[in-house]
Amino acid sequence: MQHQYIFGPVPSRRLGMSLGIDLVPHKTCSLNCVYCESGETTNLTVTRKEYVPTDAVISEIDRVLSEHPVLDVVTFSGSGEPTLHSGLGRIARHVKEHFPEYRTVLITNGTLFSDPDLRRDVSSIDCIIPSLDAASPELFGAVCRPHPDLDPDTIIQGLVDLRAEYKGEIWLEIFIVPDTNDTPEEIARLRDAVAAIAPDKVQLNTLDRPGTCGWVRPASQESLEAVVAGLEYPNVTICGRALAGRKYTGPQAETAGEILATIARRPCTIDDLSRVLGLHAHEVSKYIGSFMDEGKIRSEEGPRGTFFVPVDQ
């Protein structure tokens, strides 16, 4: 059965096999980041509301999780910003109360935690992974292209307040765009912000697959290690490719095989694969990332965007 709000399970480099819950329409977000693998934001907003029916999401969760799938995590994520959904708290509590065996994770751009209602909404979630890509207004604007109501000082204070109230784990992610937010001055500002937020860990990330803007390129290992040193924080890691080569089993193997077989027939974009196979675009994106890590496919730019083609063996 095809689901409307749930996707996966899909392989995640950091979290293992993840069942995703997508709470907002495609590319509804408070940021329009230059590196986003999901494409340009089409609804740039900071308004929290019920973007999709809360009751329908809960019903779909019940149908899927009542079958007791083998998962590492249940993740609130997708192709937009999940904290924009006003029913996030109710949905998260439902998962924890009815399916306590599953660890829950929120992947968020971290922009809205100045709202005390949101901080209460996320209290039942086991782990929150917010982003903070820049601490200065100029570079925050250049990398994240935010809604005009957002500014980094308020975002950082919201994360400080979250840390003071929230009992779960916080893994702060910083995405490095070379020659943009990796200057010594910006890393010093991020160092101070990280110290104030006091996350359980900091994870550095960089471009792993084609982003929104073609000029963005991956940071080198050397430059990422320089950022680690500059942050002067005890638990900073560089995101690796831990799931490369992981074997798919059961329905995951069937989905993976369908995607690879379709690409073998003709070059496809993520939207093409989503439409042809009836899969959520974010689910397709996760498989594409793993296949690229494994060297099975590569990307090419075409007239309609980024296409994926088999790697010649």
C-alpha atoms as a PDB file:
ATOM      1  CA  MET A   1       0.000   0.000   0.000  1.00  0.00           C
ATOM      2  CA  GLN A   2       1.289   3.436  -0.921  1.00  0.00           C
ATOM      3  CA  HIS A   3       1.348   5.855   1.990  1.00  0.00           C
ATOM      4  CA  GLN A   4       0.708   9.565   1.891  1.00  0.00           C
ATOM      5  CA  TYR A   5       2.609  10.778   4.956  1.00  0.00           C
ATOM      6  CA  ILE A   6       5.023   7.928   5.754  1.00  0.00           C
ATOM      7  CA  PHE A   7       8.005   6.871   3.665  1.00  0.00           C
ATOM      8  CA  GLY A   8      10.501   4.073   3.949  1.00  0.00           C
ATOM      9  CA  PRO A   9      12.061   2.451   5.783  1.00  0.00           C
ATOM     10  CA  VAL A  10      15.056   4.046   4.122  1.00  0.00           C
ATOM     11  CA  PRO A  11      18.778   3.800   4.907  1.00  0.00           C
ATOM     12  CA  SER A  12      20.261   6.773   6.745  1.00  0.00           C
ATOM     13  CA  ARG A  13      23.997   7.312   7.086  1.00  0.00           C
ATOM     14  CA  ARG A  14      23.602   8.457  10.687  1.00  0.00           C
ATOM     15  CA  LEU A  15      20.500   6.702  11.984  1.00  0.00           C
ATOM     16  CA  GLY A  16      20.304   3.286  10.352  1.00  0.00           C
ATOM     17  CA  MET A  17      16.989   2.089   8.907  1.00  0.00           C
ATOM     18  CA  SER A  18      14.559   4.945   9.359  1.00  0.00           C
ATOM     19  CA  LEU A  19      10.807   5.160   8.873  1.00  0.00           C
ATOM     20  CA  GLY A  20      10.097   8.755   7.873  1.00  0.00           C
ATOM     21  CA  ILE A  21       7.051  10.845   8.766  1.00  0.00           C
ATOM     22  CA  ASP A  22       6.569  13.845   6.470  1.00  0.00           C
ATOM     23  CA  LEU A  23       4.296  16.522   7.965  1.00  0.00           C
ATOM     24  CA  VAL A  24       4.339  19.330   5.397  1.00  0.00           C
ATOM     25  CA  PRO A  25       3.843  19.586   1.624  1.00  0.00           C
ATOM     26  CA  HIS A  26       6.935  19.276  -0.547  1.00  0.00           C
ATOM     27  CA  LYS A  27       9.367  22.165   0.025  1.00  0.00           C
ATOM     28  CA  THR A  28       7.358  24.023   2.637  1.00  0.00           C
ATOM     29  CA  CYS A  29      10.172  25.422   4.762  1.00  0.00           C
ATOM     30  CA  SER A  30      11.446  28.433   6.684  1.00  0.00           C
ATOM     31  CA  LEU A  31      14.748  28.291   4.767  1.00  0.00           C
ATOM     32  CA  ASN A  32      15.786  27.917   1.140  1.00  0.00           C
ATOM     33  CA  CYS A  33      19.264  26.473   1.648  1.00  0.00           C
ATOM     34  CA  VAL A  34      21.661  26.505  -1.277  1.00  0.00           C
ATOM     35  CA  TYR A  35      22.683  22.879  -0.610  1.00  0.00           C
ATOM     36  CA  CYS A  36      19.238  21.304  -0.095  1.00  0.00           C
ATOM     37  CA  GLU A  37      18.936  18.009  -1.958  1.00  0.00           C
ATOM     38  CA  SER A  38      15.139  18.443  -2.187  1.00  0.00           C
ATOM     39  CA  GLY A  39      15.326  21.533  -4.408  1.00  0.00           C
ATOM     40  CA  GLU A  40      14.121  25.107  -4.133  1.00  0.00           C
ATOM     41  CA  THR A  41      11.677  26.038  -1.375  1.00  0.00           C
ATOM     42  CA  THR A  42       8.333  26.874  -2.960  1.00  0.00           C
ATOM     43  CA  ASN A  43       6.543  27.955   0.239  1.00  0.00           C
ATOM     44  CA  LEU A  44       8.922  30.021   2.391  1.00  0.00           C
ATOM     45  CA  THR A  45       7.105  30.459   5.694  1.00  0.00           C
ATOM     46  CA  VAL A  46       7.454  30.561   9.482  1.00  0.00           C
ATOM     47  CA  THR A  47       3.747  29.984  10.132  1.00  0.00           C
ATOM     48  CA  ARG A  48       2.943  26.893  12.182  1.00  0.00           C
ATOM     49  CA  LYS A  49      -0.356  25.275  11.232  1.00  0.00           C
ATOM     50  CA  GLU A  50      -1.924  21.924  10.383  1.00  0.00           C
ATOM     51  CA  TYR A  51      -0.488  21.528   6.882  1.00  0.00           C
ATOM     52  CA  VAL A  52      -1.722  17.930   6.610  1.00  0.00           C
ATOM     53  CA  PRO A  53      -4.493  16.331   8.737  1.00  0.00           C
ATOM     54  CA  THR A  54      -3.126  15.217  12.107  1.00  0.00           C
ATOM     55  CA  ASP A  55      -5.701  12.447  12.474  1.00  0.00           C
ATOM     56  CA  ALA A  56      -4.838  11.051   9.045  1.00  0.00           C
ATOM     57  CA  VAL A  57      -1.120  11.007   9.909  1.00  0.00           C
ATOM     58  CA  ILE A  58      -1.825   9.151  13.161  1.00  0.00           C
ATOM     59  CA  SER A  59      -4.047   6.615  11.377  1.00  0.00           C
ATOM     60  CA  GLU A  60      -1.301   5.929   8.859  1.00  0.00           C
ATOM     61  CA  ILE A  61       1.281   5.563  11.640  1.00  0.00           C
ATOM     62  CA  ASP A  62      -0.972   3.053  13.403  1.00  0.00           C
ATOM     63  CA  ARG A  63      -1.377   0.959  10.234  1.00  0.00           C
ATOM     64  CA  VAL A  64       2.344   0.818   9.580  1.00  0.00           C
ATOM     65  CA  LEU A  65       3.768   0.434  13.089  1.00  0.00           C
ATOM     66  CA  SER A  66       1.140  -2.116  14.177  1.00  0.00           C
ATOM     67  CA  GLU A  67       2.912  -4.497  11.783  1.00  0.00           C
ATOM     68  CA  HIS A  68       6.049  -4.120  13.952  1.00  0.00           C
ATOM     69  CA  PRO A  69       8.568  -3.385  11.168  1.00  0.00           C
ATOM     70  CA  VAL A  70      12.251  -3.803  12.004  1.00  0.00           C
ATOM     71  CA  LEU A  71      13.534  -0.239  12.373  1.00  0.00           C
ATOM     72  CA  ASP A  72      16.336   1.673  14.022  1.00  0.00           C
ATOM     73  CA  VAL A  73      14.327   4.901  14.329  1.00  0.00           C
ATOM     74  CA  VAL A  74      11.084   6.664  13.486  1.00  0.00           C
ATOM     75  CA  THR A  75      12.062  10.039  12.064  1.00  0.00           C
ATOM     76  CA  PHE A  76      10.147  13.286  11.659  1.00  0.00           C
ATOM     77  CA  SER A  77      11.717  14.600   8.472  1.00  0.00           C
ATOM     78  CA  GLY A  78      11.012  14.841   4.765  1.00  0.00           C
ATOM     79  CA  SER A  79      11.177  17.438   2.029  1.00  0.00           C
ATOM     80  CA  GLY A  80      10.159  20.392   4.216  1.00  0.00           C
ATOM     81  CA  GLU A  81      10.445  21.649   7.820  1.00  0.00           C
ATOM     82  CA  PRO A  82       8.516  19.312  10.189  1.00  0.00           C
ATOM     83  CA  THR A  83       8.318  21.774  13.097  1.00  0.00           C
ATOM     84  CA  LEU A  84       6.007  23.945  10.983  1.00  0.00           C
ATOM     85  CA  HIS A  85       3.218  21.428  11.597  1.00  0.00           C
ATOM     86  CA  SER A  86       1.160  22.470  14.607  1.00  0.00           C
ATOM     87  CA  GLY A  87       0.242  18.848  15.361  1.00  0.00           C
ATOM     88  CA  LEU A  88       3.838  17.659  15.749  1.00  0.00           C
ATOM     89  CA  GLY A  89       3.562  17.353  19.527  1.00  0.00           C
ATOM     90  CA  ARG A  90       0.389  15.277  19.441  1.00  0.00           C
ATOM     91  CA  ILE A  91       1.790  12.983  16.747  1.00  0.00           C
ATOM     92  CA  ALA A  92       5.113  12.520  18.563  1.00  0.00           C
ATOM     93  CA  ARG A  93       3.349  11.703  21.833  1.00  0.00           C
ATOM     94  CA  HIS A  94       1.115   9.190  20.057  1.00  0.00           C
ATOM     95  CA  VAL A  95       4.132   7.318  18.677  1.00  0.00           C
ATOM     96  CA  LYS A  96       5.811   7.264  22.086  1.00  0.00           C
ATOM     97  CA  GLU A  97       2.665   6.177  23.965  1.00  0.00           C
ATOM     98  CA  HIS A  98       1.495   3.484  21.529  1.00  0.00           C
ATOM     99  CA  PHE A  99       4.800   2.246  20.078  1.00  0.00           C
ATOM    100  CA  PRO A 100       7.373   2.861  22.828  1.00  0.00           C
ATOM    101  CA  GLU A 101       9.765   0.288  21.392  1.00  0.00           C
ATOM    102  CA  TYR A 102      10.754   2.734  18.653  1.00  0.00           C
ATOM    103  CA  ARG A 103      13.292   5.516  19.123  1.00  0.00           C
ATOM    104  CA  THR A 104      12.029   8.826  17.709  1.00  0.00           C
ATOM    105  CA  VAL A 105      14.181  11.472  16.025  1.00  0.00           C
ATOM    106  CA  LEU A 106      13.369  14.971  14.774  1.00  0.00           C
ATOM    107  CA  ILE A 107      15.489  16.310  11.904  1.00  0.00           C
ATOM    108  CA  THR A 108      14.929  20.073  11.782  1.00  0.00           C
ATOM    109  CA  ASN A 109      16.528  23.242  10.519  1.00  0.00           C
ATOM    110  CA  GLY A 110      16.318  24.526  14.100  1.00  0.00           C
ATOM    111  CA  THR A 111      14.848  27.916  13.199  1.00  0.00           C
ATOM    112  CA  LEU A 112      11.658  27.924  15.277  1.00  0.00           C
ATOM    113  CA  PHE A 113      12.687  26.948  18.813  1.00  0.00           C
ATOM    114  CA  SER A 114      12.282  30.497  20.071  1.00  0.00           C
ATOM    115  CA  ASP A 115       8.600  29.463  20.262  1.00  0.00           C
ATOM    116  CA  PRO A 116       7.957  27.960  23.738  1.00  0.00           C
ATOM    117  CA  ASP A 117       4.969  26.016  22.386  1.00  0.00           C
ATOM    118  CA  LEU A 118       7.249  24.207  19.954  1.00  0.00           C
ATOM    119  CA  ARG A 119       9.749  23.425  22.700  1.00  0.00           C
ATOM    120  CA  ARG A 120       6.922  21.781  24.648  1.00  0.00           C
ATOM    121  CA  ASP A 121       5.746  19.925  21.541  1.00  0.00           C
ATOM    122  CA  VAL A 122       9.087  18.166  21.066  1.00  0.00           C
ATOM    123  CA  SER A 123       9.575  17.123  24.686  1.00  0.00           C
ATOM    124  CA  SER A 124       8.593  13.474  24.081  1.00  0.00           C
ATOM    125  CA  ILE A 125      11.022  12.976  21.172  1.00  0.00           C
ATOM    126  CA  ASP A 126      14.158  10.995  21.988  1.00  0.00           C
ATOM    127  CA  CYS A 127      16.665  12.895  19.846  1.00  0.00           C
ATOM    128  CA  ILE A 128      16.597  16.239  18.030  1.00  0.00           C
ATOM    129  CA  ILE A 129      19.008  16.996  15.181  1.00  0.00           C
ATOM    130  CA  PRO A 130      18.856  20.759  14.461  1.00  0.00           C
ATOM    131  CA  SER A 131      21.017  22.626  11.979  1.00  0.00           C
ATOM    132  CA  LEU A 132      23.071  25.753  12.485  1.00  0.00           C
ATOM    133  CA  ASP A 133      25.091  26.609   9.394  1.00  0.00           C
ATOM    134  CA  ALA A 134      26.123  30.168  10.204  1.00  0.00           C
ATOM    135  CA  ALA A 135      26.122  32.554  13.152  1.00  0.00           C
ATOM    136  CA  SER A 136      26.572  35.844  11.301  1.00  0.00           C
ATOM    137  CA  PRO A 137      23.611  37.443   9.495  1.00  0.00           C
ATOM    138  CA  GLU A 138      25.536  37.814   6.232  1.00  0.00           C
ATOM    139  CA  LEU A 139      26.578  34.186   5.916  1.00  0.00           C
ATOM    140  CA  PHE A 140      23.323  32.866   7.345  1.00  0.00           C
ATOM    141  CA  GLY A 141      21.609  34.735   4.532  1.00  0.00           C
ATOM    142  CA  ALA A 142      24.057  33.493   1.904  1.00  0.00           C
ATOM    143  CA  VAL A 143      23.860  29.801   2.852  1.00  0.00           C
ATOM    144  CA  CYS A 144      20.338  29.409   4.239  1.00  0.00           C
ATOM    145  CA  ARG A 145      18.382  32.125   2.364  1.00  0.00           C
ATOM    146  CA  PRO A 146      15.892  32.415   5.251  1.00  0.00           C
ATOM    147  CA  HIS A 147      12.407  33.784   5.652  1.00  0.00           C
ATOM    148  CA  PRO A 148      12.829  37.518   6.364  1.00  0.00           C
ATOM    149  CA  ASP A 149      11.525  37.141   9.939  1.00  0.00           C
ATOM    150  CA  LEU A 150      14.463  34.924  10.919  1.00  0.00           C
ATOM    151  CA  ASP A 151      17.867  35.954  12.245  1.00  0.00           C
ATOM    152  CA  PRO A 152      20.712  33.829  13.625  1.00  0.00           C
ATOM    153  CA  ASP A 153      20.833  35.431  17.080  1.00  0.00           C
ATOM    154  CA  THR A 154      17.197  34.540  17.764  1.00  0.00           C
ATOM    155  CA  ILE A 155      17.686  31.038  16.348  1.00  0.00           C
ATOM    156  CA  ILE A 156      20.748  30.442  18.538  1.00  0.00           C
ATOM    157  CA  GLN A 157      18.903  31.670  21.646  1.00  0.00           C
ATOM    158  CA  GLY A 158      16.022  29.342  20.791  1.00  0.00           C
ATOM    159  CA  LEU A 159      18.430  26.414  20.692  1.00  0.00           C
ATOM    160  CA  VAL A 160      19.955  27.519  24.009  1.00  0.00           C
ATOM    161  CA  ASP A 161      16.453  27.583  25.512  1.00  0.00           C
ATOM    162  CA  LEU A 162      15.696  24.169  24.016  1.00  0.00           C
ATOM    163  CA  ARG A 163      18.823  22.710  25.614  1.00  0.00           C
ATOM    164  CA  ALA A 164      17.797  24.117  29.007  1.00  0.00           C
ATOM    165  CA  GLU A 165      14.331  22.515  28.868  1.00  0.00           C
ATOM    166  CA  TYR A 166      14.721  19.383  26.766  1.00  0.00           C
ATOM    167  CA  LYS A 167      15.793  16.106  28.393  1.00  0.00           C
ATOM    168  CA  GLY A 168      16.689  14.135  25.266  1.00  0.00           C
ATOM    169  CA  GLU A 169      19.769  14.168  23.064  1.00  0.00           C
ATOM    170  CA  ILE A 170      20.640  17.088  20.787  1.00  0.00           C
ATOM    171  CA  TRP A 171      22.939  16.459  17.827  1.00  0.00           C
ATOM    172  CA  LEU A 172      23.767  19.804  16.243  1.00  0.00           C
ATOM    173  CA  GLU A 173      24.520  19.646  12.521  1.00  0.00           C
ATOM    174  CA  ILE A 174      26.664  22.193  10.695  1.00  0.00           C
ATOM    175  CA  PHE A 175      26.746  22.024   6.904  1.00  0.00           C
ATOM    176  CA  ILE A 176      29.973  23.372   5.453  1.00  0.00           C
ATOM    177  CA  VAL A 177      29.882  25.192   2.117  1.00  0.00           C
ATOM    178  CA  PRO A 178      33.501  25.776   1.026  1.00  0.00           C
ATOM    179  CA  ASP A 179      34.685  29.387   0.820  1.00  0.00           C
ATOM    180  CA  THR A 180      31.448  30.557   2.414  1.00  0.00           C
ATOM    181  CA  ASN A 181      30.798  29.555   6.036  1.00  0.00           C
ATOM    182  CA  ASP A 182      34.235  28.030   6.720  1.00  0.00           C
ATOM    183  CA  THR A 183      36.233  31.226   7.223  1.00  0.00           C
ATOM    184  CA  PRO A 184      38.159  31.551  10.494  1.00  0.00           C
ATOM    185  CA  GLU A 185      35.894  34.433  11.562  1.00  0.00           C
ATOM    186  CA  GLU A 186      32.688  32.441  10.969  1.00  0.00           C
ATOM    187  CA  ILE A 187      34.040  29.305  12.629  1.00  0.00           C
ATOM    188  CA  ALA A 188      34.887  31.420  15.683  1.00  0.00           C
ATOM    189  CA  ARG A 189      31.279  32.668  15.793  1.00  0.00           C
ATOM    190  CA  LEU A 190      29.995  29.108  15.415  1.00  0.00           C
ATOM    191  CA  ARG A 191      32.381  27.992  18.163  1.00  0.00           C
ATOM    192  CA  ASP A 192      30.787  30.466  20.571  1.00  0.00           C
ATOM    193  CA  ALA A 193      27.286  29.430  19.507  1.00  0.00           C
ATOM    194  CA  VAL A 194      28.034  25.733  19.951  1.00  0.00           C
ATOM    195  CA  ALA A 195      29.463  26.368  23.418  1.00  0.00           C
ATOM    196  CA  ALA A 196      26.283  28.237  24.390  1.00  0.00           C
ATOM    197  CA  ILE A 197      23.944  25.573  22.994  1.00  0.00           C
ATOM    198  CA  ALA A 198      25.951  22.693  24.543  1.00  0.00           C
ATOM    199  CA  PRO A 199      24.675  19.867  22.306  1.00  0.00           C
ATOM    200  CA  ASP A 200      25.487  16.244  23.054  1.00  0.00           C
ATOM    201  CA  LYS A 201      27.422  16.098  19.809  1.00  0.00           C
ATOM    202  CA  VAL A 202      28.196  18.205  16.761  1.00  0.00           C
ATOM    203  CA  GLN A 203      28.115  16.670  13.305  1.00  0.00           C
ATOM    204  CA  LEU A 204      29.816  18.314  10.334  1.00  0.00           C
ATOM    205  CA  ASN A 205      28.275  17.652   6.961  1.00  0.00           C
ATOM    206  CA  THR A 206      28.988  18.720   3.407  1.00  0.00           C
ATOM    207  CA  LEU A 207      27.603  18.127  -0.062  1.00  0.00           C
ATOM    208  CA  ASP A 208      26.988  14.433  -0.676  1.00  0.00           C
ATOM    209  CA  ARG A 209      24.648  14.632  -3.680  1.00  0.00           C
ATOM    210  CA  PRO A 210      23.500  17.458  -5.969  1.00  0.00           C
ATOM    211  CA  GLY A 211      22.075  20.443  -4.088  1.00  0.00           C
ATOM    212  CA  THR A 212      19.761  23.281  -5.067  1.00  0.00           C
ATOM    213  CA  CYS A 213      22.522  25.546  -6.384  1.00  0.00           C
ATOM    214  CA  GLY A 214      25.004  24.112  -8.842  1.00  0.00           C
ATOM    215  CA  TRP A 215      27.910  26.192  -7.522  1.00  0.00           C
ATOM    216  CA  VAL A 216      27.932  24.401  -4.164  1.00  0.00           C
ATOM    217  CA  ARG A 217      30.681  21.789  -3.961  1.00  0.00           C
ATOM    218  CA  PRO A 218      31.810  19.365  -1.246  1.00  0.00           C
ATOM    219  CA  ALA A 219      34.289  20.488   1.374  1.00  0.00           C
ATOM    220  CA  SER A 220      37.562  18.597   1.453  1.00  0.00           C
ATOM    221  CA  GLN A 221      38.442  16.310   4.325  1.00  0.00           C
ATOM    222  CA  GLU A 222      41.294  18.668   5.226  1.00  0.00           C
ATOM    223  CA  SER A 223      38.991  21.685   5.467  1.00  0.00           C
ATOM    224  CA  LEU A 224      36.446  19.747   7.520  1.00  0.00           C
ATOM    225  CA  GLU A 225      39.176  18.712   9.940  1.00  0.00           C
ATOM    226  CA  ALA A 226      40.191  22.375  10.227  1.00  0.00           C
ATOM    227  CA  VAL A 227      36.603  23.225  11.183  1.00  0.00           C
ATOM    228  CA  VAL A 228      36.646  20.471  13.820  1.00  0.00           C
ATOM    229  CA  ALA A 229      39.766  22.015  15.344  1.00  0.00           C
ATOM    230  CA  GLY A 230      38.328  25.529  15.161  1.00  0.00           C
ATOM    231  CA  LEU A 231      35.124  24.627  16.986  1.00  0.00           C
ATOM    232  CA  GLU A 232      37.119  23.541  20.051  1.00  0.00           C
ATOM    233  CA  TYR A 233      34.261  21.299  21.221  1.00  0.00           C
ATOM    234  CA  PRO A 234      34.789  17.872  22.780  1.00  0.00           C
ATOM    235  CA  ASN A 235      32.431  15.823  20.603  1.00  0.00           C
ATOM    236  CA  VAL A 236      32.607  16.873  16.957  1.00  0.00           C
ATOM    237  CA  THR A 237      32.444  14.275  14.186  1.00  0.00           C
ATOM    238  CA  ILE A 238      32.503  14.417  10.403  1.00  0.00           C
ATOM    239  CA  CYS A 239      29.538  12.629   8.867  1.00  0.00           C
ATOM    240  CA  GLY A 240      30.776   9.615   6.972  1.00  0.00           C
ATOM    241  CA  ARG A 241      29.229   7.033   4.744  1.00  0.00           C
ATOM    242  CA  ALA A 242      28.593   4.340   7.309  1.00  0.00           C
ATOM    243  CA  LEU A 243      25.824   2.611   5.380  1.00  0.00           C
ATOM    244  CA  ALA A 244      27.744   2.185   2.149  1.00  0.00           C
ATOM    245  CA  GLY A 245      27.476  -1.448   1.130  1.00  0.00           C
ATOM    246  CA  ARG A 246      24.696  -2.217   3.611  1.00  0.00           C
ATOM    247  CA  LYS A 247      22.560  -5.094   2.342  1.00  0.00           C
ATOM    248  CA  TYR A 248      18.873  -4.497   1.803  1.00  0.00           C
ATOM    249  CA  THR A 249      16.417  -7.189   2.864  1.00  0.00           C
ATOM    250  CA  GLY A 250      12.694  -7.727   2.475  1.00  0.00           C
ATOM    251  CA  PRO A 251      10.682  -4.819   1.058  1.00  0.00           C
ATOM    252  CA  GLN A 252      13.771  -2.599   1.112  1.00  0.00           C
ATOM    253  CA  ALA A 253      15.516  -4.953  -1.313  1.00  0.00           C
ATOM    254  CA  GLU A 254      12.511  -4.871  -3.639  1.00  0.00           C
ATOM    255  CA  THR A 255      12.385  -1.068  -3.579  1.00  0.00           C
ATOM    256  CA  ALA A 256      16.132  -0.753  -4.123  1.00  0.00           C
ATOM    257  CA  GLY A 257      15.961  -3.187  -7.021  1.00  0.00           C
ATOM    258  CA  GLU A 258      13.071  -1.327  -8.645  1.00  0.00           C
ATOM    259  CA  ILE A 259      14.925   1.984  -8.471  1.00  0.00           C
ATOM    260  CA  LEU A 260      18.145   0.544  -9.917  1.00  0.00           C
ATOM    261  CA  ALA A 261      16.263  -1.310 -12.657  1.00  0.00           C
ATOM    262  CA  THR A 262      14.426   1.871 -13.670  1.00  0.00           C
ATOM    263  CA  ILE A 263      17.649   3.883 -13.810  1.00  0.00           C
ATOM    264  CA  ALA A 264      19.263   1.099 -15.862  1.00  0.00           C
ATOM    265  CA  ARG A 265      16.551   1.533 -18.503  1.00  0.00           C
ATOM    266  CA  ARG A 266      16.871   5.306 -18.794  1.00  0.00           C
ATOM    267  CA  PRO A 267      18.313   8.300 -16.917  1.00  0.00           C
ATOM    268  CA  CYS A 268      15.852   9.589 -14.296  1.00  0.00           C
ATOM    269  CA  THR A 269      15.478  12.484 -11.911  1.00  0.00           C
ATOM    270  CA  ILE A 270      14.233  11.948  -8.367  1.00  0.00           C
ATOM    271  CA  ASP A 271      10.844  13.304  -9.440  1.00  0.00           C
ATOM    272  CA  ASP A 272      10.757  10.859 -12.364  1.00  0.00           C
ATOM    273  CA  LEU A 273      11.447   7.912 -10.063  1.00  0.00           C
ATOM    274  CA  SER A 274       8.898   9.109  -7.516  1.00  0.00           C
ATOM    275  CA  ARG A 275       6.194   9.375 -10.179  1.00  0.00           C
ATOM    276  CA  VAL A 276       6.998   6.131 -12.002  1.00  0.00           C
ATOM    277  CA  LEU A 277       7.396   3.958  -8.900  1.00  0.00           C
ATOM    278  CA  GLY A 278       4.791   5.610  -6.687  1.00  0.00           C
ATOM    279  CA  LEU A 279       7.349   6.387  -3.971  1.00  0.00           C
ATOM    280  CA  HIS A 280       7.788   9.448  -1.777  1.00  0.00           C
ATOM    281  CA  ALA A 281      10.432  11.752  -3.258  1.00  0.00           C
ATOM    282  CA  HIS A 282      12.370  11.800   0.014  1.00  0.00           C
ATOM    283  CA  GLU A 283      12.403   8.003   0.114  1.00  0.00           C
ATOM    284  CA  VAL A 284      13.832   7.939  -3.417  1.00  0.00           C
ATOM    285  CA  SER A 285      16.437  10.531  -2.411  1.00  0.00           C
ATOM    286  CA  LYS A 286      17.686   8.387   0.477  1.00  0.00           C
ATOM    287  CA  TYR A 287      18.143   5.339  -1.767  1.00  0.00           C
ATOM    288  CA  ILE A 288      19.849   7.482  -4.399  1.00  0.00           C
ATOM    289  CA  GLY A 289      22.311   8.697  -1.759  1.00  0.00           C
ATOM    290  CA  SER A 290      23.182   5.145  -0.749  1.00  0.00           C
ATOM    291  CA  PHE A 291      23.579   4.011  -4.366  1.00  0.00           C
ATOM    292  CA  MET A 292      25.941   6.929  -5.033  1.00  0.00           C
ATOM    293  CA  ASP A 293      27.925   6.058  -1.896  1.00  0.00           C
ATOM    294  CA  GLU A 294      28.225   2.486  -3.176  1.00  0.00           C
ATOM    295  CA  GLY A 295      29.349   3.639  -6.637  1.00  0.00           C
ATOM    296  CA  LYS A 296      26.372   2.062  -8.403  1.00  0.00           C
ATOM    297  CA  ILE A 297      25.080   5.283 -10.004  1.00  0.00           C
ATOM    298  CA  ARG A 298      26.296   8.785 -10.804  1.00  0.00           C
ATOM    299  CA  SER A 299      24.622  12.120 -11.469  1.00  0.00           C
ATOM    300  CA  GLU A 300      24.497  14.181 -14.656  1.00  0.00           C
ATOM    301  CA  GLU A 301      22.972  17.601 -15.173  1.00  0.00           C
ATOM    302  CA  GLY A 302      20.245  17.689 -17.797  1.00  0.00           C
ATOM    303  CA  PRO A 303      17.617  20.074 -19.141  1.00  0.00           C
ATOM    304  CA  ARG A 304      15.158  19.204 -16.352  1.00  0.00           C
ATOM    305  CA  GLY A 305      17.677  19.078 -13.519  1.00  0.00           C
ATOM    306  CA  THR A 306      19.846  16.330 -12.043  1.00  0.00           C
ATOM    307  CA  PHE A 307      19.588  12.900 -13.676  1.00  0.00           C
ATOM    308  CA  PHE A 308      20.931   9.624 -12.301  1.00  0.00           C
ATOM    309  CA  VAL A 309      22.548   7.010 -14.521  1.00  0.00           C
ATOM    310  CA  PRO A 310      24.280   3.652 -13.887  1.00  0.00           C
ATOM    311  CA  VAL A 311      28.021   3.587 -13.361  1.00  0.00           C
ATOM    312  CA  ASP A 312      29.697   1.488 -16.051  1.00  0.00           C
ATOM    313  CA  GLN A 313      31.009  -1.650 -14.498  1.00  0.00           C
END
